[in-house]
Amino acid sequence: MPRAPQLHLLEHFAEHRPDLFRKKLRVNPEIFDDILDQISHHPVFHNQSNNKQLPVSIQLAIFLFCVGHYGNACSPEDIGQWAGVSVGTVVNCTHRIMAAILDQHDRFIYIPHVRSEEMCQARTFVESRTCHAWRNGVFAADGTSVNFHAWPGMFGDAFYDRKSRFSLNCQVGLNVRLGMNAHLKCEGCNHDT
């Protein structure tokens, strides 16, 4: 049974139910508006074609819905059904928004100097929440699992994860003194950067 598109509900959610707006797009309505202001004038949204693009706000909503969900909910087919657009439109919107955001990288991403007061505060915060060994590892991402095709012959059970798969966990850390490093470990293992 086909469902009616839900994209038009976002305006109501933004004004009256911000919790539902956040649930769908994973950002507050104010943040959505800020991102929209930053990217709307990007050349990727202006073309000379007879086929008009969707408004940038709709393209951004489609993109945020896509990157904010996982599993079956983020397939181009399901996103298209949610937004009332074709699969090709979902792909095009995602590519355009990503291009516009990546072009703004230096404006959106700020890494303080190693010896700055901000970095000192970040190191103190990290140490207060973790341990002294992690003090200089103020940036880290933990999460991508790399699945094995089959059960590993040596210590195989050690690689069995909570999702009933055999996998390695990929972790990237940025140590302010040593630079970036990446580690592959058994699921659940943490590296002390």
N, C-alpha and C. Protein backbone atom coordinates (compact mmCIF):
# COMPACT_ATOMS: atom_id res chain seq x y z
N MET A 1 0.84 -1.18 0.00
CA MET A 1 0.00 0.00 0.00
C MET A 1 0.89 1.25 0.00
N PRO A 2 0.76 2.11 -1.00
CA PRO A 2 1.59 3.32 -1.05
C PRO A 2 1.23 4.29 0.08
N ARG A 3 2.24 4.97 0.56
CA ARG A 3 2.03 5.97 1.61
C ARG A 3 2.13 7.36 1.00
N ALA A 4 1.46 8.31 1.64
CA ALA A 4 1.53 9.70 1.19
C ALA A 4 2.85 10.30 1.66
N PRO A 5 3.45 11.19 0.86
CA PRO A 5 4.70 11.82 1.28
C PRO A 5 4.50 12.64 2.56
N GLN A 6 5.56 12.72 3.35
CA GLN A 6 5.50 13.40 4.64
C GLN A 6 6.32 14.68 4.69
N LEU A 7 6.99 15.01 3.61
CA LEU A 7 7.88 16.16 3.58
C LEU A 7 7.17 17.45 3.98
N HIS A 8 5.92 17.58 3.57
CA HIS A 8 5.18 18.82 3.86
C HIS A 8 4.92 19.02 5.36
N LEU A 9 5.06 17.97 6.16
CA LEU A 9 4.83 18.09 7.60
C LEU A 9 5.97 18.80 8.32
N LEU A 10 7.14 18.88 7.69
CA LEU A 10 8.30 19.47 8.36
C LEU A 10 8.07 20.91 8.79
N GLU A 11 7.38 21.67 7.96
CA GLU A 11 7.12 23.08 8.32
C GLU A 11 6.29 23.16 9.60
N HIS A 12 5.28 22.32 9.70
CA HIS A 12 4.45 22.28 10.91
C HIS A 12 5.29 21.81 12.11
N PHE A 13 6.10 20.77 11.89
CA PHE A 13 6.94 20.26 12.97
C PHE A 13 7.92 21.32 13.46
N ALA A 14 8.51 22.08 12.53
CA ALA A 14 9.49 23.11 12.91
C ALA A 14 8.86 24.15 13.83
N GLU A 15 7.62 24.49 13.55
CA GLU A 15 6.97 25.54 14.33
C GLU A 15 6.31 25.03 15.61
N HIS A 16 5.66 23.86 15.52
CA HIS A 16 4.85 23.40 16.65
C HIS A 16 5.38 22.16 17.37
N ARG A 17 6.19 21.36 16.68
CA ARG A 17 6.70 20.12 17.28
C ARG A 17 8.17 19.92 16.93
N PRO A 18 9.07 20.77 17.45
CA PRO A 18 10.49 20.66 17.10
C PRO A 18 11.09 19.29 17.42
N ASP A 19 10.51 18.58 18.40
CA ASP A 19 11.01 17.24 18.71
C ASP A 19 10.80 16.29 17.54
N LEU A 20 9.68 16.42 16.83
CA LEU A 20 9.44 15.58 15.65
C LEU A 20 10.32 16.02 14.48
N PHE A 21 10.58 17.32 14.37
CA PHE A 21 11.49 17.82 13.34
C PHE A 21 12.88 17.20 13.54
N ARG A 22 13.35 17.23 14.80
CA ARG A 22 14.66 16.63 15.13
C ARG A 22 14.68 15.14 14.86
N LYS A 23 13.58 14.47 15.13
CA LYS A 23 13.51 13.03 14.91
C LYS A 23 13.66 12.69 13.43
N LYS A 24 13.10 13.52 12.57
CA LYS A 24 13.17 13.26 11.12
C LYS A 24 14.50 13.70 10.52
N LEU A 25 14.99 14.89 10.88
CA LEU A 25 16.18 15.44 10.22
C LEU A 25 17.42 15.47 11.10
N ARG A 26 17.30 15.13 12.37
CA ARG A 26 18.42 15.04 13.31
C ARG A 26 19.11 16.37 13.59
N VAL A 27 18.43 17.47 13.33
CA VAL A 27 18.93 18.80 13.69
C VAL A 27 17.75 19.63 14.19
N ASN A 28 18.04 20.65 14.98
CA ASN A 28 17.00 21.60 15.39
C ASN A 28 16.59 22.45 14.20
N PRO A 29 15.36 22.97 14.20
CA PRO A 29 14.93 23.84 13.10
C PRO A 29 15.85 25.04 12.88
N GLU A 30 16.40 25.60 13.96
CA GLU A 30 17.30 26.76 13.84
C GLU A 30 18.59 26.37 13.12
N ILE A 31 19.10 25.20 13.42
CA ILE A 31 20.32 24.71 12.77
C ILE A 31 20.04 24.46 11.29
N PHE A 32 18.89 23.89 11.00
CA PHE A 32 18.49 23.67 9.61
C PHE A 32 18.52 24.99 8.85
N ASP A 33 17.92 26.03 9.44
CA ASP A 33 17.90 27.35 8.79
C ASP A 33 19.30 27.92 8.62
N ASP A 34 20.17 27.72 9.60
CA ASP A 34 21.55 28.21 9.49
C ASP A 34 22.29 27.51 8.35
N ILE A 35 22.15 26.19 8.26
CA ILE A 35 22.81 25.46 7.17
C ILE A 35 22.25 25.93 5.84
N LEU A 36 20.95 26.09 5.76
CA LEU A 36 20.30 26.54 4.53
C LEU A 36 20.83 27.91 4.10
N ASP A 37 20.97 28.83 5.05
CA ASP A 37 21.52 30.15 4.73
C ASP A 37 22.95 30.06 4.19
N GLN A 38 23.74 29.14 4.74
CA GLN A 38 25.14 29.01 4.33
C GLN A 38 25.32 28.43 2.93
N ILE A 39 24.41 27.54 2.52
CA ILE A 39 24.63 26.83 1.25
C ILE A 39 23.72 27.25 0.11
N SER A 40 22.66 28.01 0.37
CA SER A 40 21.66 28.27 -0.68
C SER A 40 22.19 28.97 -1.92
N HIS A 41 23.25 29.72 -1.80
CA HIS A 41 23.75 30.47 -2.96
C HIS A 41 24.86 29.72 -3.70
N HIS A 42 25.09 28.48 -3.35
CA HIS A 42 26.14 27.70 -4.01
C HIS A 42 25.75 27.47 -5.48
N PRO A 43 26.72 27.53 -6.39
CA PRO A 43 26.43 27.37 -7.82
C PRO A 43 25.81 26.02 -8.21
N VAL A 44 26.00 25.00 -7.39
CA VAL A 44 25.44 23.69 -7.73
C VAL A 44 23.91 23.72 -7.79
N PHE A 45 23.31 24.70 -7.14
CA PHE A 45 21.85 24.81 -7.13
C PHE A 45 21.30 25.69 -8.26
N HIS A 46 22.17 26.23 -9.08
CA HIS A 46 21.75 27.09 -10.18
C HIS A 46 22.19 26.46 -11.49
N ASN A 47 21.24 26.15 -12.34
CA ASN A 47 21.59 25.56 -13.63
C ASN A 47 20.82 26.26 -14.74
N GLN A 48 21.20 25.97 -15.96
CA GLN A 48 20.56 26.58 -17.13
C GLN A 48 19.57 25.61 -17.77
N SER A 49 19.21 24.56 -17.07
CA SER A 49 18.32 23.54 -17.61
C SER A 49 16.87 24.03 -17.61
N ASN A 50 16.08 23.43 -18.50
CA ASN A 50 14.64 23.72 -18.50
C ASN A 50 13.94 23.01 -17.35
N ASN A 51 14.60 22.02 -16.78
CA ASN A 51 14.04 21.30 -15.63
C ASN A 51 14.52 21.97 -14.35
N LYS A 52 13.59 22.56 -13.65
CA LYS A 52 13.93 23.26 -12.41
C LYS A 52 14.32 22.26 -11.32
N GLN A 53 15.25 22.66 -10.47
CA GLN A 53 15.60 21.87 -9.29
C GLN A 53 14.56 22.12 -8.21
N LEU A 54 14.50 21.19 -7.27
CA LEU A 54 13.68 21.41 -6.09
C LEU A 54 14.27 22.57 -5.29
N PRO A 55 13.46 23.26 -4.49
CA PRO A 55 14.02 24.30 -3.63
C PRO A 55 15.14 23.71 -2.75
N VAL A 56 16.13 24.52 -2.45
CA VAL A 56 17.28 24.06 -1.67
C VAL A 56 16.83 23.53 -0.32
N SER A 57 15.80 24.12 0.27
CA SER A 57 15.32 23.65 1.58
C SER A 57 14.84 22.20 1.50
N ILE A 58 14.17 21.83 0.43
CA ILE A 58 13.70 20.45 0.27
C ILE A 58 14.88 19.52 0.02
N GLN A 59 15.83 19.97 -0.80
CA GLN A 59 17.02 19.15 -1.04
C GLN A 59 17.79 18.91 0.26
N LEU A 60 17.90 19.95 1.08
CA LEU A 60 18.59 19.81 2.36
C LEU A 60 17.83 18.85 3.28
N ALA A 61 16.51 18.95 3.30
CA ALA A 61 15.70 18.04 4.13
C ALA A 61 15.89 16.59 3.70
N ILE A 62 15.90 16.35 2.39
CA ILE A 62 16.12 15.00 1.87
C ILE A 62 17.50 14.50 2.28
N PHE A 63 18.51 15.35 2.15
CA PHE A 63 19.88 14.97 2.52
C PHE A 63 19.97 14.65 4.02
N LEU A 64 19.43 15.52 4.86
CA LEU A 64 19.52 15.30 6.31
C LEU A 64 18.75 14.06 6.74
N PHE A 65 17.61 13.81 6.11
CA PHE A 65 16.87 12.58 6.41
C PHE A 65 17.72 11.37 6.06
N CYS A 66 18.38 11.45 4.92
CA CYS A 66 19.23 10.34 4.44
C CYS A 66 20.38 10.07 5.39
N VAL A 67 21.14 11.09 5.76
CA VAL A 67 22.32 10.88 6.60
C VAL A 67 21.96 10.68 8.07
N GLY A 68 20.74 11.00 8.44
CA GLY A 68 20.32 10.85 9.83
C GLY A 68 19.67 9.52 10.15
N HIS A 69 19.53 8.66 9.16
CA HIS A 69 18.89 7.36 9.37
C HIS A 69 19.80 6.25 8.87
N TYR A 70 19.52 5.06 9.29
CA TYR A 70 20.33 3.92 8.89
C TYR A 70 19.41 2.72 8.64
N GLY A 71 19.98 1.67 8.09
CA GLY A 71 19.20 0.47 7.82
C GLY A 71 18.23 0.69 6.68
N ASN A 72 17.08 0.05 6.78
CA ASN A 72 16.08 0.12 5.72
C ASN A 72 15.51 1.52 5.54
N ALA A 73 15.53 2.34 6.58
CA ALA A 73 14.94 3.67 6.50
C ALA A 73 15.72 4.62 5.61
N CYS A 74 16.96 4.29 5.27
CA CYS A 74 17.76 5.24 4.49
C CYS A 74 17.99 4.79 3.05
N SER A 75 17.25 3.82 2.56
CA SER A 75 17.40 3.46 1.15
C SER A 75 16.82 4.58 0.30
N PRO A 76 17.38 4.80 -0.88
CA PRO A 76 16.84 5.86 -1.75
C PRO A 76 15.35 5.67 -2.04
N GLU A 77 14.91 4.43 -2.13
CA GLU A 77 13.49 4.16 -2.38
C GLU A 77 12.62 4.66 -1.22
N ASP A 78 13.03 4.34 0.02
CA ASP A 78 12.25 4.76 1.18
C ASP A 78 12.29 6.27 1.38
N ILE A 79 13.44 6.88 1.13
CA ILE A 79 13.54 8.33 1.26
C ILE A 79 12.68 9.00 0.20
N GLY A 80 12.71 8.46 -1.02
CA GLY A 80 11.86 8.99 -2.09
C GLY A 80 10.39 8.90 -1.73
N GLN A 81 10.01 7.78 -1.13
CA GLN A 81 8.61 7.62 -0.72
C GLN A 81 8.25 8.61 0.38
N TRP A 82 9.17 8.80 1.34
CA TRP A 82 8.93 9.75 2.42
C TRP A 82 8.78 11.17 1.88
N ALA A 83 9.63 11.53 0.90
CA ALA A 83 9.64 12.90 0.37
C ALA A 83 8.70 13.09 -0.81
N GLY A 84 8.21 12.00 -1.40
CA GLY A 84 7.35 12.13 -2.57
C GLY A 84 8.11 12.47 -3.84
N VAL A 85 9.34 11.96 -3.96
CA VAL A 85 10.17 12.22 -5.14
C VAL A 85 10.73 10.89 -5.65
N SER A 86 11.37 10.93 -6.81
CA SER A 86 11.94 9.72 -7.38
C SER A 86 13.27 9.37 -6.73
N VAL A 87 13.71 8.14 -6.95
CA VAL A 87 15.01 7.70 -6.44
C VAL A 87 16.13 8.56 -7.02
N GLY A 88 16.05 8.88 -8.31
CA GLY A 88 17.06 9.72 -8.95
C GLY A 88 17.14 11.10 -8.32
N THR A 89 15.99 11.64 -7.94
CA THR A 89 15.97 12.95 -7.28
C THR A 89 16.65 12.87 -5.91
N VAL A 90 16.42 11.79 -5.19
CA VAL A 90 17.08 11.60 -3.88
C VAL A 90 18.59 11.60 -4.07
N VAL A 91 19.07 10.85 -5.05
CA VAL A 91 20.51 10.76 -5.31
C VAL A 91 21.06 12.13 -5.71
N ASN A 92 20.38 12.83 -6.62
CA ASN A 92 20.84 14.15 -7.06
C ASN A 92 20.87 15.16 -5.92
N CYS A 93 19.82 15.17 -5.11
CA CYS A 93 19.77 16.11 -3.97
C CYS A 93 20.92 15.83 -3.01
N THR A 94 21.16 14.55 -2.73
CA THR A 94 22.23 14.18 -1.82
C THR A 94 23.58 14.64 -2.35
N HIS A 95 23.82 14.43 -3.64
CA HIS A 95 25.09 14.85 -4.24
C HIS A 95 25.25 16.37 -4.21
N ARG A 96 24.19 17.10 -4.53
CA ARG A 96 24.29 18.57 -4.55
C ARG A 96 24.56 19.13 -3.15
N ILE A 97 23.82 18.66 -2.16
CA ILE A 97 24.01 19.17 -0.80
C ILE A 97 25.41 18.84 -0.30
N MET A 98 25.85 17.63 -0.57
CA MET A 98 27.20 17.24 -0.13
C MET A 98 28.26 18.12 -0.78
N ALA A 99 28.10 18.41 -2.06
CA ALA A 99 29.06 19.29 -2.75
C ALA A 99 29.06 20.68 -2.12
N ALA A 100 27.88 21.21 -1.82
CA ALA A 100 27.79 22.55 -1.23
C ALA A 100 28.39 22.58 0.17
N ILE A 101 28.16 21.55 0.96
CA ILE A 101 28.71 21.50 2.32
C ILE A 101 30.22 21.33 2.28
N LEU A 102 30.72 20.44 1.43
CA LEU A 102 32.17 20.23 1.36
C LEU A 102 32.91 21.47 0.90
N ASP A 103 32.28 22.27 0.03
CA ASP A 103 32.92 23.52 -0.39
C ASP A 103 33.01 24.53 0.76
N GLN A 104 32.22 24.34 1.80
CA GLN A 104 32.23 25.23 2.96
C GLN A 104 33.11 24.69 4.09
N HIS A 105 33.85 23.63 3.82
CA HIS A 105 34.62 22.94 4.86
C HIS A 105 35.41 23.89 5.75
N ASP A 106 36.19 24.76 5.15
CA ASP A 106 37.06 25.64 5.95
C ASP A 106 36.28 26.65 6.78
N ARG A 107 35.04 26.94 6.39
CA ARG A 107 34.22 27.85 7.20
C ARG A 107 33.53 27.11 8.34
N PHE A 108 33.22 25.82 8.13
CA PHE A 108 32.48 25.05 9.13
C PHE A 108 33.38 24.33 10.13
N ILE A 109 34.57 23.94 9.70
CA ILE A 109 35.46 23.16 10.55
C ILE A 109 36.58 24.06 11.04
N TYR A 110 36.73 24.11 12.35
CA TYR A 110 37.78 24.92 12.95
C TYR A 110 38.53 24.06 13.96
N ILE A 111 39.82 23.91 13.75
CA ILE A 111 40.66 23.17 14.69
C ILE A 111 41.64 24.17 15.29
N PRO A 112 41.54 24.41 16.59
CA PRO A 112 42.42 25.38 17.22
C PRO A 112 43.89 24.95 17.16
N HIS A 113 44.77 25.93 17.27
CA HIS A 113 46.21 25.66 17.29
C HIS A 113 46.54 24.80 18.51
N VAL A 114 47.54 23.95 18.38
CA VAL A 114 47.92 23.00 19.42
C VAL A 114 48.19 23.68 20.76
N ARG A 115 48.80 24.86 20.74
CA ARG A 115 49.16 25.53 21.99
C ARG A 115 48.15 26.60 22.42
N SER A 116 47.00 26.63 21.78
CA SER A 116 46.01 27.66 22.11
C SER A 116 45.28 27.32 23.42
N GLU A 117 44.64 28.32 23.97
CA GLU A 117 43.87 28.15 25.20
C GLU A 117 42.70 27.18 24.97
N GLU A 118 42.07 27.26 23.79
CA GLU A 118 40.95 26.37 23.49
C GLU A 118 41.38 24.90 23.49
N MET A 119 42.54 24.63 22.91
CA MET A 119 43.04 23.25 22.87
C MET A 119 43.41 22.77 24.26
N CYS A 120 43.96 23.66 25.07
CA CYS A 120 44.29 23.32 26.45
C CYS A 120 43.02 22.94 27.22
N GLN A 121 41.96 23.71 27.02
CA GLN A 121 40.68 23.41 27.66
C GLN A 121 40.12 22.07 27.17
N ALA A 122 40.27 21.81 25.88
CA ALA A 122 39.79 20.53 25.33
C ALA A 122 40.56 19.36 25.94
N ARG A 123 41.88 19.50 26.06
CA ARG A 123 42.69 18.42 26.66
C ARG A 123 42.30 18.19 28.12
N THR A 124 42.08 19.27 28.86
CA THR A 124 41.66 19.15 30.25
C THR A 124 40.31 18.46 30.35
N PHE A 125 39.40 18.82 29.46
CA PHE A 125 38.07 18.19 29.45
C PHE A 125 38.19 16.69 29.16
N VAL A 126 38.98 16.33 28.14
CA VAL A 126 39.15 14.92 27.79
C VAL A 126 39.71 14.14 28.97
N GLU A 127 40.73 14.70 29.61
CA GLU A 127 41.35 14.02 30.75
C GLU A 127 40.36 13.88 31.91
N SER A 128 39.51 14.88 32.13
CA SER A 128 38.55 14.81 33.24
C SER A 128 37.47 13.76 33.00
N ARG A 129 37.20 13.46 31.75
CA ARG A 129 36.14 12.50 31.43
C ARG A 129 36.68 11.09 31.16
N THR A 130 37.98 10.97 30.89
CA THR A 130 38.53 9.66 30.54
C THR A 130 39.72 9.35 31.44
N CYS A 131 40.90 9.33 30.88
CA CYS A 131 42.11 9.04 31.66
C CYS A 131 43.26 9.90 31.12
N HIS A 132 44.33 9.98 31.88
CA HIS A 132 45.45 10.83 31.50
C HIS A 132 46.04 10.45 30.15
N ALA A 133 46.07 9.16 29.84
CA ALA A 133 46.67 8.70 28.58
C ALA A 133 45.92 9.25 27.36
N TRP A 134 44.66 9.58 27.53
CA TRP A 134 43.86 10.08 26.40
C TRP A 134 43.92 11.60 26.29
N ARG A 135 44.62 12.27 27.16
CA ARG A 135 44.64 13.73 27.24
C ARG A 135 44.88 14.40 25.89
N ASN A 136 45.81 13.92 25.11
CA ASN A 136 46.13 14.58 23.84
C ASN A 136 45.28 14.09 22.67
N GLY A 137 44.40 13.17 22.91
CA GLY A 137 43.52 12.67 21.85
C GLY A 137 42.17 13.35 21.91
N VAL A 138 42.12 14.60 21.50
CA VAL A 138 40.88 15.36 21.66
C VAL A 138 39.87 15.11 20.54
N PHE A 139 40.28 14.48 19.45
CA PHE A 139 39.35 14.15 18.38
C PHE A 139 39.42 12.64 18.15
N ALA A 140 38.29 11.98 18.17
CA ALA A 140 38.28 10.54 17.89
C ALA A 140 36.92 10.15 17.34
N ALA A 141 36.92 9.15 16.50
CA ALA A 141 35.68 8.59 15.97
C ALA A 141 35.77 7.09 16.12
N ASP A 142 34.75 6.51 16.68
CA ASP A 142 34.73 5.08 16.92
C ASP A 142 33.45 4.55 16.33
N GLY A 143 33.55 3.59 15.45
CA GLY A 143 32.26 3.10 15.01
C GLY A 143 32.16 2.21 13.80
N THR A 144 32.97 2.35 12.80
CA THR A 144 32.75 1.56 11.60
C THR A 144 33.18 0.13 11.82
N SER A 145 32.26 -0.79 11.61
CA SER A 145 32.59 -2.21 11.71
C SER A 145 32.89 -2.75 10.33
N VAL A 146 33.97 -3.52 10.24
CA VAL A 146 34.34 -4.17 8.99
C VAL A 146 34.02 -5.65 9.17
N ASN A 147 33.01 -6.13 8.45
CA ASN A 147 32.55 -7.51 8.61
C ASN A 147 33.47 -8.50 7.91
N PHE A 148 33.66 -9.66 8.54
CA PHE A 148 34.39 -10.76 7.92
C PHE A 148 33.44 -11.58 7.07
N HIS A 149 33.98 -12.20 6.05
CA HIS A 149 33.18 -13.08 5.20
C HIS A 149 32.82 -14.36 5.96
N ALA A 150 33.75 -14.84 6.77
CA ALA A 150 33.55 -16.09 7.50
C ALA A 150 34.19 -16.00 8.88
N TRP A 151 33.93 -17.01 9.70
CA TRP A 151 34.49 -17.08 11.04
C TRP A 151 36.01 -17.16 10.95
N PRO A 152 36.75 -16.26 11.64
CA PRO A 152 38.21 -16.31 11.60
C PRO A 152 38.72 -17.59 12.28
N GLY A 153 39.69 -18.24 11.67
CA GLY A 153 40.22 -19.49 12.19
C GLY A 153 40.95 -19.34 13.51
N MET A 154 41.63 -18.23 13.72
CA MET A 154 42.39 -18.03 14.94
C MET A 154 41.66 -17.02 15.84
N PHE A 155 41.34 -17.41 17.05
CA PHE A 155 40.62 -16.55 18.01
C PHE A 155 39.30 -16.04 17.43
N GLY A 156 38.64 -16.87 16.66
CA GLY A 156 37.42 -16.45 15.97
C GLY A 156 36.35 -15.87 16.86
N ASP A 157 36.12 -16.50 18.02
CA ASP A 157 35.05 -16.01 18.90
C ASP A 157 35.32 -14.61 19.43
N ALA A 158 36.58 -14.20 19.47
CA ALA A 158 36.92 -12.86 19.96
C ALA A 158 36.40 -11.77 19.02
N PHE A 159 36.10 -12.13 17.79
CA PHE A 159 35.64 -11.15 16.81
C PHE A 159 34.12 -11.14 16.66
N TYR A 160 33.41 -11.90 17.49
CA TYR A 160 31.95 -11.96 17.43
C TYR A 160 31.38 -10.73 18.11
N ASP A 161 30.56 -9.95 17.40
CA ASP A 161 30.08 -8.69 17.96
C ASP A 161 28.63 -8.78 18.45
N ARG A 162 28.15 -7.67 18.99
CA ARG A 162 26.80 -7.62 19.55
C ARG A 162 25.71 -7.79 18.50
N LYS A 163 26.05 -7.63 17.23
CA LYS A 163 25.07 -7.79 16.16
C LYS A 163 25.14 -9.18 15.53
N SER A 164 25.78 -10.10 16.25
CA SER A 164 25.90 -11.49 15.82
C SER A 164 26.66 -11.63 14.51
N ARG A 165 27.74 -10.88 14.37
CA ARG A 165 28.60 -10.95 13.19
C ARG A 165 30.04 -11.06 13.65
N PHE A 166 30.89 -11.54 12.77
CA PHE A 166 32.32 -11.52 13.02
C PHE A 166 32.87 -10.27 12.33
N SER A 167 33.49 -9.37 13.10
CA SER A 167 33.92 -8.11 12.52
C SER A 167 35.07 -7.50 13.30
N LEU A 168 35.67 -6.47 12.68
CA LEU A 168 36.67 -5.62 13.32
C LEU A 168 36.06 -4.23 13.46
N ASN A 169 36.45 -3.53 14.50
CA ASN A 169 35.99 -2.16 14.69
C ASN A 169 37.09 -1.21 14.24
N CYS A 170 36.74 -0.27 13.39
CA CYS A 170 37.70 0.71 12.90
C CYS A 170 37.57 1.97 13.75
N GLN A 171 38.68 2.45 14.27
CA GLN A 171 38.68 3.63 15.12
C GLN A 171 39.73 4.60 14.62
N VAL A 172 39.36 5.86 14.50
CA VAL A 172 40.30 6.88 14.06
C VAL A 172 40.45 7.89 15.19
N GLY A 173 41.68 8.23 15.50
CA GLY A 173 41.94 9.22 16.53
C GLY A 173 42.91 10.26 16.04
N LEU A 174 42.75 11.49 16.49
CA LEU A 174 43.67 12.56 16.13
C LEU A 174 44.35 13.02 17.41
N ASN A 175 45.61 12.69 17.52
CA ASN A 175 46.41 13.09 18.67
C ASN A 175 47.09 14.40 18.30
N VAL A 176 46.95 15.42 19.14
CA VAL A 176 47.46 16.75 18.79
C VAL A 176 48.97 16.77 18.64
N ARG A 177 49.68 15.81 19.18
CA ARG A 177 51.13 15.78 19.04
C ARG A 177 51.61 14.82 17.96
N LEU A 178 50.89 13.72 17.79
CA LEU A 178 51.36 12.68 16.88
C LEU A 178 50.66 12.67 15.53
N GLY A 179 49.57 13.36 15.39
CA GLY A 179 48.82 13.34 14.14
C GLY A 179 47.75 12.27 14.17
N MET A 180 47.25 11.90 12.98
CA MET A 180 46.14 10.96 12.90
C MET A 180 46.65 9.53 12.91
N ASN A 181 45.89 8.66 13.58
CA ASN A 181 46.18 7.24 13.52
C ASN A 181 44.87 6.46 13.41
N ALA A 182 44.94 5.28 12.84
CA ALA A 182 43.76 4.43 12.70
C ALA A 182 44.09 3.06 13.24
N HIS A 183 43.10 2.43 13.84
CA HIS A 183 43.31 1.11 14.44
C HIS A 183 42.14 0.21 14.09
N LEU A 184 42.43 -1.05 13.86
CA LEU A 184 41.41 -2.08 13.71
C LEU A 184 41.52 -2.97 14.94
N LYS A 185 40.41 -3.12 15.65
CA LYS A 185 40.40 -3.93 16.87
C LYS A 185 39.15 -4.78 16.88
N CYS A 186 39.12 -5.73 17.81
CA CYS A 186 37.91 -6.52 18.01
C CYS A 186 36.79 -5.59 18.45
N GLU A 187 35.55 -5.96 18.16
CA GLU A 187 34.41 -5.16 18.60
C GLU A 187 34.51 -4.91 20.10
N GLY A 188 34.22 -3.69 20.51
CA GLY A 188 34.21 -3.35 21.92
C GLY A 188 35.55 -2.92 22.48
N CYS A 189 36.63 -3.12 21.75
CA CYS A 189 37.96 -2.71 22.23
C CYS A 189 38.13 -1.21 22.00
N ASN A 190 38.75 -0.55 22.93
CA ASN A 190 39.04 0.87 22.77
C ASN A 190 40.54 1.07 22.75
N HIS A 191 40.97 2.00 21.93
CA HIS A 191 42.39 2.30 21.83
C HIS A 191 42.69 3.53 22.66
N ASP A 192 43.76 3.50 23.43
CA ASP A 192 44.12 4.69 24.21
C ASP A 192 45.06 5.55 23.39
N THR A 193 44.46 6.52 22.69
CA THR A 193 45.22 7.42 21.86
C THR A 193 46.11 8.25 22.74
